[in-house]
Amino acid sequence: MAITLDDIKNMSTMRKVTLVCIILLLFAYLYYSYFYQAAFEKKGKLGVRLSSLQQEIAEKQIIANQIEKYKKERDALKEDLRVALTRLPEQKEIPGLLDSVSEAGRRLYLEFLLFEPMGPVPREFYAEVPVKVEVIGGYHNIVFFFEKVAKLPRIVNITDISIKRGNIKSEIDSLTASCLVKTYMFLEKEDEKKAAVPGSK
């Protein structure tokens, strides 16, 4: 049975208040069910998505910072390689470098008994050029010779050093020093192929 406007007018005040409360509760329930609850759930989902995005951004920021670090390290390594390569002579410069080594000995009045360049030993992008050296002279002169060779602008290492008393007598007893002087040369791609083939020139 439908309730008319007259029925409502004839209700007692208590019933009118009760009816109004029921209507308000009904509106509140409908609002919560269709608007607030959906908005609340959407807000929760958006909050989860926001947290996920913030975590993803933080992770990518860490990666970005590491990329910058690696780029700086890569640039530093490239610069170190560039400096190292400037100290590696090319094949055409090797004779001049060997002349510098022998000239350093002659200026210190050392007598060369042996100065024998050996075949290059290929490595990754460079080749070792060993030279057997044997000289006679005073102790200090030999030491200065090693020092001058080590200070040449190109990379030169002295290994397998052996010093013994010489046979020549003077005011100061002479010494005979033998060693292996290793210099290095930069290999171009074509040079690398040739070095890999025994007997190639």
Protein backbone atom coordinates (compact mmCIF):
# COMPACT_ATOMS: atom_id res chain seq x y z
CA MET A 1 0.00 0.00 0.00
CA ALA A 2 1.48 3.29 -1.14
CA ILE A 3 2.01 6.09 1.36
CA THR A 4 0.53 9.40 0.26
CA LEU A 5 1.44 12.92 1.27
CA ASP A 6 -1.71 13.10 3.43
CA ASP A 7 -0.63 9.97 5.29
CA ILE A 8 2.66 11.65 6.09
CA LYS A 9 0.92 14.82 7.27
CA ASN A 10 -1.29 12.78 9.61
CA MET A 11 1.70 10.97 11.17
CA SER A 12 2.84 11.81 14.64
CA THR A 13 5.96 13.88 15.09
CA MET A 14 7.93 10.84 16.30
CA ARG A 15 7.02 8.88 13.17
CA LYS A 16 7.91 11.84 10.94
CA VAL A 17 11.33 12.07 12.61
CA THR A 18 11.78 8.31 12.25
CA LEU A 19 10.80 8.48 8.56
CA VAL A 20 13.19 11.35 7.91
CA CYS A 21 16.00 9.40 9.65
CA ILE A 22 15.24 6.33 7.54
CA ILE A 23 15.30 8.42 4.37
CA LEU A 24 18.62 10.06 5.41
CA LEU A 25 20.11 6.67 6.23
CA LEU A 26 18.95 5.35 2.89
CA PHE A 27 20.56 8.30 1.07
CA ALA A 28 23.75 7.82 3.14
CA TYR A 29 23.86 4.11 2.25
CA LEU A 30 23.28 4.81 -1.44
CA TYR A 31 25.95 7.54 -1.41
CA TYR A 32 28.44 5.24 0.33
CA SER A 33 27.66 2.28 -1.94
CA TYR A 34 27.75 4.08 -5.27
CA PHE A 35 30.11 7.03 -4.69
CA TYR A 36 32.26 6.99 -1.56
CA GLN A 37 33.16 3.29 -1.56
CA ALA A 38 34.12 3.36 -5.25
CA ALA A 39 36.17 6.52 -4.70
CA PHE A 40 37.83 5.01 -1.61
CA GLU A 41 38.72 1.82 -3.48
CA LYS A 42 40.04 3.89 -6.40
CA LYS A 43 42.10 5.98 -3.99
CA GLY A 44 43.56 2.79 -2.46
CA LYS A 45 44.47 1.43 -5.89
CA LEU A 46 46.01 4.76 -6.86
CA GLY A 47 48.00 4.77 -3.59
CA VAL A 48 49.40 1.32 -4.36
CA ARG A 49 50.22 2.39 -7.92
CA LEU A 50 51.89 5.57 -6.62
CA SER A 51 54.06 3.56 -4.20
CA SER A 52 55.01 1.19 -7.03
CA LEU A 53 55.91 4.09 -9.33
CA GLN A 54 57.93 5.80 -6.59
CA GLN A 55 59.86 2.57 -5.97
CA GLU A 56 60.43 2.15 -9.71
CA ILE A 57 61.65 5.75 -9.99
CA ALA A 58 64.03 5.23 -7.05
CA GLU A 59 65.44 2.06 -8.64
CA LYS A 60 65.89 3.78 -12.01
CA GLN A 61 67.52 6.74 -10.28
CA ILE A 62 70.07 4.38 -8.71
CA ILE A 63 70.73 2.86 -12.15
CA ALA A 64 71.03 6.34 -13.69
CA ASN A 65 73.56 7.34 -11.01
CA GLN A 66 75.54 4.16 -11.69
CA ILE A 67 75.50 4.87 -15.43
CA GLU A 68 77.03 8.27 -14.79
CA LYS A 69 79.64 6.64 -12.55
CA TYR A 70 80.44 4.02 -15.20
CA LYS A 71 80.62 6.70 -17.89
CA LYS A 72 83.16 8.62 -15.83
CA GLU A 73 85.15 5.43 -15.21
CA ARG A 74 84.98 4.60 -18.93
CA ASP A 75 86.19 8.10 -19.85
CA ALA A 76 89.01 7.82 -17.31
CA LEU A 77 90.05 4.44 -18.76
CA LYS A 78 89.94 5.87 -22.29
CA GLU A 79 92.19 8.71 -21.17
CA ASP A 80 94.59 6.27 -19.47
CA LEU A 81 94.65 4.20 -22.67
CA ARG A 82 95.29 7.31 -24.76
CA VAL A 83 98.20 8.32 -22.51
CA ALA A 84 99.57 4.76 -22.58
CA LEU A 85 99.33 4.64 -26.37
CA THR A 86 101.31 7.89 -26.65
CA ARG A 87 104.08 6.06 -24.80
CA LEU A 88 103.95 3.09 -27.16
CA PRO A 89 106.02 3.81 -30.27
CA GLU A 90 104.89 2.66 -33.67
CA GLN A 91 107.05 0.19 -35.57
CA LYS A 92 108.81 2.93 -37.56
CA GLU A 93 109.92 4.61 -34.31
CA ILE A 94 111.56 1.52 -32.81
CA PRO A 95 115.01 2.02 -34.47
CA GLY A 96 115.17 5.58 -33.15
CA LEU A 97 114.18 4.41 -29.68
CA LEU A 98 116.89 1.72 -29.73
CA ASP A 99 119.38 4.37 -30.83
CA SER A 100 118.37 6.40 -27.76
CA VAL A 101 119.12 3.41 -25.53
CA SER A 102 122.56 2.84 -27.04
CA GLU A 103 123.29 6.59 -27.03
CA ALA A 104 122.50 6.72 -23.30
CA GLY A 105 125.17 4.05 -22.73
CA ARG A 106 127.78 5.74 -24.91
CA ARG A 107 127.33 9.07 -23.13
CA LEU A 108 128.12 7.31 -19.86
CA TYR A 109 131.29 5.81 -21.40
CA LEU A 110 129.97 2.28 -21.33
CA GLU A 111 131.40 -0.23 -23.77
CA PHE A 112 128.76 -2.36 -25.47
CA LEU A 113 129.73 -6.00 -25.78
CA LEU A 114 126.27 -6.98 -27.02
CA PHE A 115 123.30 -5.07 -28.38
CA GLU A 116 121.03 -7.63 -30.03
CA PRO A 117 117.44 -6.68 -30.90
CA MET A 118 115.24 -9.79 -30.95
CA GLY A 119 112.01 -10.51 -32.82
CA PRO A 120 108.84 -8.79 -31.56
CA VAL A 121 106.57 -10.80 -29.28
CA PRO A 122 102.92 -9.98 -30.13
CA ARG A 123 100.43 -9.30 -27.32
CA GLU A 124 96.84 -8.01 -27.53
CA PHE A 125 97.30 -4.61 -29.20
CA TYR A 126 101.04 -4.19 -28.77
CA ALA A 127 104.23 -6.17 -29.21
CA GLU A 128 107.24 -6.53 -26.92
CA VAL A 129 110.57 -5.80 -28.57
CA PRO A 130 113.29 -7.36 -26.39
CA VAL A 131 116.95 -6.40 -26.79
CA LYS A 132 119.82 -8.33 -25.24
CA VAL A 133 122.34 -5.85 -23.86
CA GLU A 134 125.74 -6.41 -22.30
CA VAL A 135 127.97 -3.50 -21.28
CA ILE A 136 131.23 -2.92 -19.45
CA GLY A 137 131.78 0.09 -17.22
CA GLY A 138 131.89 1.47 -13.71
CA TYR A 139 129.17 0.66 -11.21
CA HIS A 140 127.77 4.21 -11.08
CA ASN A 141 127.81 4.54 -14.87
CA ILE A 142 125.83 1.31 -15.22
CA VAL A 143 123.30 2.45 -12.61
CA PHE A 144 122.92 5.83 -14.35
CA PHE A 145 122.48 4.01 -17.66
CA PHE A 146 119.59 1.98 -16.24
CA GLU A 147 118.09 5.17 -14.80
CA LYS A 148 118.34 7.07 -18.08
CA VAL A 149 116.77 4.22 -20.02
CA ALA A 150 113.91 3.98 -17.51
CA LYS A 151 113.27 7.73 -17.90
CA LEU A 152 112.98 7.68 -21.68
CA PRO A 153 109.66 9.19 -22.84
CA ARG A 154 108.56 5.82 -24.24
CA ILE A 155 107.88 2.74 -22.13
CA VAL A 156 111.09 0.77 -21.63
CA ASN A 157 111.59 -1.91 -18.99
CA ILE A 158 114.86 -3.52 -17.94
CA THR A 159 114.70 -7.12 -16.71
CA ASP A 160 116.99 -10.10 -16.12
CA ILE A 161 119.81 -7.90 -14.82
CA SER A 162 123.10 -9.65 -14.06
CA ILE A 163 126.21 -7.79 -12.89
CA LYS A 164 129.64 -9.34 -12.42
CA ARG A 165 133.23 -8.16 -12.26
CA GLY A 166 134.77 -7.35 -15.61
CA ASN A 167 138.19 -8.27 -16.88
CA ILE A 168 139.38 -4.73 -17.56
CA LYS A 169 141.30 -3.06 -14.74
CA SER A 170 141.45 0.70 -14.31
CA GLU A 171 141.41 3.12 -11.40
CA ILE A 172 138.02 1.64 -10.57
CA ASP A 173 137.29 -2.02 -11.17
CA SER A 174 134.98 -2.37 -14.14
CA LEU A 175 131.80 -4.42 -14.11
CA THR A 176 130.04 -6.37 -16.80
CA ALA A 177 126.27 -5.95 -16.78
CA SER A 178 123.91 -7.96 -18.92
CA CYS A 179 120.15 -7.39 -19.10
CA LEU A 180 117.11 -7.61 -21.28
CA VAL A 181 115.77 -4.24 -22.39
CA LYS A 182 112.12 -4.49 -23.35
CA THR A 183 110.43 -1.79 -25.30
CA TYR A 184 106.94 -1.97 -26.72
CA MET A 185 105.33 -0.94 -29.97
CA PHE A 186 101.71 -0.31 -30.83
CA LEU A 187 100.26 -2.78 -33.32
CA GLU A 188 97.86 -1.62 -35.97
CA LYS A 189 95.32 -4.23 -37.13
CA GLU A 190 97.45 -5.11 -40.15
CA ASP A 191 100.54 -5.40 -37.94
CA GLU A 192 98.66 -7.75 -35.60
CA LYS A 193 97.85 -10.06 -38.51
CA LYS A 194 101.47 -10.04 -39.67
CA ALA A 195 102.78 -10.65 -36.16
CA ALA A 196 100.49 -13.65 -35.86
CA VAL A 197 102.10 -15.25 -38.95
CA PRO A 198 105.63 -16.58 -38.25
CA GLY A 199 108.25 -15.18 -40.60
CA SER A 200 105.98 -12.41 -41.90
CA LYS A 201 107.46 -8.97 -42.51
